[in-house]
């Protein structure tokens, strides 16, 4: 947690100096979420747990954007989108599509999966190997395509 916490503290100082209220508020909210998760567990968070808190906040923003779009609240959509952009800066680097395919092929070979019915065996391992660097939907799409090709 130390590296992310230090980065957030530095970024917060920079945002305060620059008068960037969106970044300031998002960083404060993220730090509070991380601190609450740490208190809840009674120990420092692992990198995976930090990533889960970050992804939870990203998901909240995405859901808010969908609801605000449905309500035609463009002002709130813009605000949530700006906050979402700030949060995405803290995500670990994602896997490129070709890297996803290589990873999926490895897992399929290791598990001996031979068709679409084996997706249930492949996905848990694939998700664990991707370690938050790819969206589960993207992983599922690649695995389904490769398993369908046989």
C-alpha atoms as a PDB file:
ATOM      1  CA  UNK A   1       0.000   0.000   0.000  1.00  0.00           C
ATOM      2  CA  UNK A   2       2.909   2.297   0.635  1.00  0.00           C
ATOM      3  CA  UNK A   3       3.641   3.012  -3.023  1.00  0.00           C
ATOM      4  CA  UNK A   4       0.046   3.842  -3.957  1.00  0.00           C
ATOM      5  CA  UNK A   5      -0.476   5.835  -0.760  1.00  0.00           C
ATOM      6  CA  UNK A   6       2.654   7.897  -1.448  1.00  0.00           C
ATOM      7  CA  UNK A   7       1.589   8.468  -5.051  1.00  0.00           C
ATOM      8  CA  UNK A   8      -1.874   9.566  -3.930  1.00  0.00           C
ATOM      9  CA  UNK A   9      -0.401  11.913  -1.311  1.00  0.00           C
ATOM     10  CA  UNK A  10       1.930  13.482  -3.883  1.00  0.00           C
ATOM     11  CA  UNK A  11      -0.848  13.783  -6.457  1.00  0.00           C
ATOM     12  CA  UNK A  12      -3.138  15.342  -3.845  1.00  0.00           C
ATOM     13  CA  UNK A  13      -0.532  18.004  -3.058  1.00  0.00           C
ATOM     14  CA  UNK A  14      -0.123  18.715  -6.763  1.00  0.00           C
ATOM     15  CA  UNK A  15      -3.888  18.961  -7.257  1.00  0.00           C
ATOM     16  CA  UNK A  16      -4.226  21.310  -4.301  1.00  0.00           C
ATOM     17  CA  UNK A  17      -1.468  23.586  -5.604  1.00  0.00           C
ATOM     18  CA  UNK A  18      -2.994  23.587  -9.098  1.00  0.00           C
ATOM     19  CA  UNK A  19      -6.518  24.185  -7.841  1.00  0.00           C
ATOM     20  CA  UNK A  20      -7.716  20.996  -9.569  1.00  0.00           C
ATOM     21  CA  UNK A  21     -10.846  20.339  -7.525  1.00  0.00           C
ATOM     22  CA  UNK A  22     -11.928  17.260  -9.487  1.00  0.00           C
ATOM     23  CA  UNK A  23      -8.609  15.470  -8.987  1.00  0.00           C
ATOM     24  CA  UNK A  24      -8.445  16.632  -5.362  1.00  0.00           C
ATOM     25  CA  UNK A  25     -11.890  15.269  -4.545  1.00  0.00           C
ATOM     26  CA  UNK A  26     -11.358  11.958  -6.346  1.00  0.00           C
ATOM     27  CA  UNK A  27      -8.021  11.361  -4.616  1.00  0.00           C
ATOM     28  CA  UNK A  28      -9.499  12.171  -1.213  1.00  0.00           C
ATOM     29  CA  UNK A  29     -12.396   9.806  -1.833  1.00  0.00           C
ATOM     30  CA  UNK A  30     -10.075   7.045  -3.023  1.00  0.00           C
ATOM     31  CA  UNK A  31      -7.754   7.480  -0.037  1.00  0.00           C
ATOM     32  CA  UNK A  32     -10.762   7.289   2.296  1.00  0.00           C
ATOM     33  CA  UNK A  33     -11.954   4.108   0.576  1.00  0.00           C
ATOM     34  CA  UNK A  34      -8.520   2.536   0.912  1.00  0.00           C
ATOM     35  CA  UNK A  35      -8.273   3.547   4.571  1.00  0.00           C
ATOM     36  CA  UNK A  36     -11.749   2.157   5.317  1.00  0.00           C
ATOM     37  CA  UNK A  37     -10.840  -1.140   3.654  1.00  0.00           C
ATOM     38  CA  UNK A  38      -7.634  -1.293   5.676  1.00  0.00           C
ATOM     39  CA  UNK A  39      -9.499  -0.634   8.929  1.00  0.00           C
ATOM     40  CA  UNK A  40     -12.104  -3.238   8.005  1.00  0.00           C
ATOM     41  CA  UNK A  41      -9.385  -5.871   7.482  1.00  0.00           C
ATOM     42  CA  UNK A  42      -7.279  -4.744  10.441  1.00  0.00           C
ATOM     43  CA  UNK A  43      -4.068  -4.827   8.410  1.00  0.00           C
ATOM     44  CA  UNK A  44      -2.397  -3.113   5.453  1.00  0.00           C
ATOM     45  CA  UNK A  45      -3.982  -3.907   2.100  1.00  0.00           C
ATOM     46  CA  UNK A  46      -2.322  -6.096  -0.488  1.00  0.00           C
ATOM     47  CA  UNK A  47      -1.887  -4.787  -4.021  1.00  0.00           C
ATOM     48  CA  UNK A  48      -4.827  -6.930  -5.135  1.00  0.00           C
ATOM     49  CA  UNK A  49      -7.035  -5.498  -2.388  1.00  0.00           C
ATOM     50  CA  UNK A  50      -6.037  -1.936  -3.327  1.00  0.00           C
ATOM     51  CA  UNK A  51      -6.868  -2.743  -6.925  1.00  0.00           C
ATOM     52  CA  UNK A  52     -10.269  -4.099  -5.860  1.00  0.00           C
ATOM     53  CA  UNK A  53     -11.093  -0.853  -4.004  1.00  0.00           C
ATOM     54  CA  UNK A  54     -10.034   1.171  -7.033  1.00  0.00           C
ATOM     55  CA  UNK A  55     -12.105  -0.967  -9.410  1.00  0.00           C
ATOM     56  CA  UNK A  56     -15.092  -0.709  -7.068  1.00  0.00           C
ATOM     57  CA  UNK A  57     -14.919   3.082  -7.245  1.00  0.00           C
ATOM     58  CA  UNK A  58     -14.552   2.942 -11.033  1.00  0.00           C
ATOM     59  CA  UNK A  59     -17.608   0.691 -11.251  1.00  0.00           C
ATOM     60  CA  UNK A  60     -19.589   3.132  -9.072  1.00  0.00           C
ATOM     61  CA  UNK A  61     -18.729   5.983 -11.442  1.00  0.00           C
ATOM     62  CA  UNK A  62     -19.669   3.923 -14.495  1.00  0.00           C
ATOM     63  CA  UNK A  63     -23.038   3.025 -12.978  1.00  0.00           C
ATOM     64  CA  UNK A  64     -23.656   6.663 -12.064  1.00  0.00           C
ATOM     65  CA  UNK A  65     -22.845   7.739 -15.608  1.00  0.00           C
ATOM     66  CA  UNK A  66     -25.374   5.243 -16.997  1.00  0.00           C
ATOM     67  CA  UNK A  67     -28.068   6.465 -14.621  1.00  0.00           C
ATOM     68  CA  UNK A  68     -27.351  10.133 -15.303  1.00  0.00           C
ATOM     69  CA  UNK A  69     -27.418   9.499 -19.048  1.00  0.00           C
ATOM     70  CA  UNK A  70     -30.808   7.830 -18.687  1.00  0.00           C
ATOM     71  CA  UNK A  71     -31.993  10.867 -16.735  1.00  0.00           C
ATOM     72  CA  UNK A  72     -30.489  13.224 -19.332  1.00  0.00           C
ATOM     73  CA  UNK A  73     -28.320  14.935 -16.739  1.00  0.00           C
ATOM     74  CA  UNK A  74     -25.403  15.873 -18.981  1.00  0.00           C
ATOM     75  CA  UNK A  75     -23.860  18.079 -16.290  1.00  0.00           C
ATOM     76  CA  UNK A  76     -23.581  15.127 -13.910  1.00  0.00           C
ATOM     77  CA  UNK A  77     -22.412  12.809 -16.696  1.00  0.00           C
ATOM     78  CA  UNK A  78     -19.546  15.218 -17.395  1.00  0.00           C
ATOM     79  CA  UNK A  79     -18.618  15.400 -13.709  1.00  0.00           C
ATOM     80  CA  UNK A  80     -18.635  11.621 -13.244  1.00  0.00           C
ATOM     81  CA  UNK A  81     -16.693  11.105 -16.485  1.00  0.00           C
ATOM     82  CA  UNK A  82     -13.988  13.512 -15.307  1.00  0.00           C
ATOM     83  CA  UNK A  83     -13.775  11.623 -12.004  1.00  0.00           C
ATOM     84  CA  UNK A  84     -13.620   8.311 -13.855  1.00  0.00           C
ATOM     85  CA  UNK A  85     -10.695   9.568 -15.938  1.00  0.00           C
ATOM     86  CA  UNK A  86      -8.782  10.457 -12.762  1.00  0.00           C
ATOM     87  CA  UNK A  87      -9.413   7.017 -11.238  1.00  0.00           C
ATOM     88  CA  UNK A  88      -8.266   5.238 -14.395  1.00  0.00           C
ATOM     89  CA  UNK A  89      -4.861   6.902 -14.009  1.00  0.00           C
ATOM     90  CA  UNK A  90      -4.272   4.668 -10.989  1.00  0.00           C
ATOM     91  CA  UNK A  91      -5.143   1.363 -12.646  1.00  0.00           C
ATOM     92  CA  UNK A  92      -2.260  -1.009 -13.310  1.00  0.00           C
ATOM     93  CA  UNK A  93      -1.226  -1.255 -16.954  1.00  0.00           C
ATOM     94  CA  UNK A  94      -3.647  -3.441 -18.866  1.00  0.00           C
ATOM     95  CA  UNK A  95      -2.911  -6.343 -21.138  1.00  0.00           C
ATOM     96  CA  UNK A  96      -2.971  -5.782 -24.882  1.00  0.00           C
ATOM     97  CA  UNK A  97      -5.372  -7.950 -26.938  1.00  0.00           C
ATOM     98  CA  UNK A  98      -2.514 -10.106 -28.248  1.00  0.00           C
ATOM     99  CA  UNK A  99      -1.252 -10.632 -24.691  1.00  0.00           C
ATOM    100  CA  UNK A 100      -4.756 -11.687 -23.635  1.00  0.00           C
ATOM    101  CA  UNK A 101      -4.838 -14.248 -26.410  1.00  0.00           C
ATOM    102  CA  UNK A 102      -1.423 -15.681 -25.466  1.00  0.00           C
ATOM    103  CA  UNK A 103      -2.475 -15.924 -21.830  1.00  0.00           C
ATOM    104  CA  UNK A 104      -5.769 -17.591 -22.762  1.00  0.00           C
ATOM    105  CA  UNK A 105      -4.010 -20.099 -25.038  1.00  0.00           C
ATOM    106  CA  UNK A 106      -1.624 -21.019 -22.184  1.00  0.00           C
ATOM    107  CA  UNK A 107      -4.467 -21.601 -19.729  1.00  0.00           C
ATOM    108  CA  UNK A 108      -6.474 -23.603 -22.282  1.00  0.00           C
ATOM    109  CA  UNK A 109      -3.451 -25.815 -22.955  1.00  0.00           C
ATOM    110  CA  UNK A 110      -2.740 -26.307 -19.239  1.00  0.00           C
ATOM    111  CA  UNK A 111      -6.317 -27.238 -18.404  1.00  0.00           C
ATOM    112  CA  UNK A 112      -6.753 -29.464 -21.453  1.00  0.00           C
ATOM    113  CA  UNK A 113      -9.890 -27.555 -22.395  1.00  0.00           C
ATOM    114  CA  UNK A 114     -11.206 -28.565 -25.798  1.00  0.00           C
ATOM    115  CA  UNK A 115     -14.471 -26.745 -26.351  1.00  0.00           C
ATOM    116  CA  UNK A 116     -16.931 -24.132 -25.145  1.00  0.00           C
ATOM    117  CA  UNK A 117     -18.227 -26.404 -22.383  1.00  0.00           C
ATOM    118  CA  UNK A 118     -14.795 -26.154 -20.701  1.00  0.00           C
ATOM    119  CA  UNK A 119     -15.088 -22.379 -20.223  1.00  0.00           C
ATOM    120  CA  UNK A 120     -15.918 -22.910 -16.532  1.00  0.00           C
ATOM    121  CA  UNK A 121     -12.550 -24.592 -15.967  1.00  0.00           C
ATOM    122  CA  UNK A 122     -10.592 -21.986 -17.913  1.00  0.00           C
ATOM    123  CA  UNK A 123     -12.051 -18.732 -16.591  1.00  0.00           C
ATOM    124  CA  UNK A 124     -11.069 -18.892 -12.880  1.00  0.00           C
ATOM    125  CA  UNK A 125      -7.444 -19.584 -13.800  1.00  0.00           C
ATOM    126  CA  UNK A 126      -7.456 -16.986 -16.556  1.00  0.00           C
ATOM    127  CA  UNK A 127      -8.888 -14.329 -14.239  1.00  0.00           C
ATOM    128  CA  UNK A 128      -6.278 -15.123 -11.595  1.00  0.00           C
ATOM    129  CA  UNK A 129      -3.441 -14.966 -14.123  1.00  0.00           C
ATOM    130  CA  UNK A 130      -4.651 -11.649 -15.551  1.00  0.00           C
ATOM    131  CA  UNK A 131      -4.522 -10.279 -11.990  1.00  0.00           C
ATOM    132  CA  UNK A 132      -6.737  -7.292 -12.634  1.00  0.00           C
ATOM    133  CA  UNK A 133      -4.915  -6.233 -15.789  1.00  0.00           C
ATOM    134  CA  UNK A 134      -7.898  -7.080 -17.988  1.00  0.00           C
ATOM    135  CA  UNK A 135     -11.654  -6.824 -17.814  1.00  0.00           C
ATOM    136  CA  UNK A 136     -13.348 -10.160 -17.125  1.00  0.00           C
ATOM    137  CA  UNK A 137     -15.602  -9.639 -20.119  1.00  0.00           C
ATOM    138  CA  UNK A 138     -12.586  -9.272 -22.422  1.00  0.00           C
ATOM    139  CA  UNK A 139     -11.062 -12.419 -20.923  1.00  0.00           C
ATOM    140  CA  UNK A 140     -14.295 -14.315 -21.428  1.00  0.00           C
ATOM    141  CA  UNK A 141     -14.622 -13.153 -25.042  1.00  0.00           C
ATOM    142  CA  UNK A 142     -11.096 -14.307 -25.898  1.00  0.00           C
ATOM    143  CA  UNK A 143     -11.521 -17.647 -24.122  1.00  0.00           C
ATOM    144  CA  UNK A 144     -14.894 -18.292 -25.810  1.00  0.00           C
ATOM    145  CA  UNK A 145     -13.470 -17.482 -29.240  1.00  0.00           C
ATOM    146  CA  UNK A 146     -10.457 -19.753 -28.763  1.00  0.00           C
ATOM    147  CA  UNK A 147     -12.520 -22.596 -27.317  1.00  0.00           C
ATOM    148  CA  UNK A 148     -15.062 -22.338 -30.136  1.00  0.00           C
ATOM    149  CA  UNK A 149     -12.257 -22.571 -32.686  1.00  0.00           C
ATOM    150  CA  UNK A 150     -11.221 -25.759 -30.949  1.00  0.00           C
END
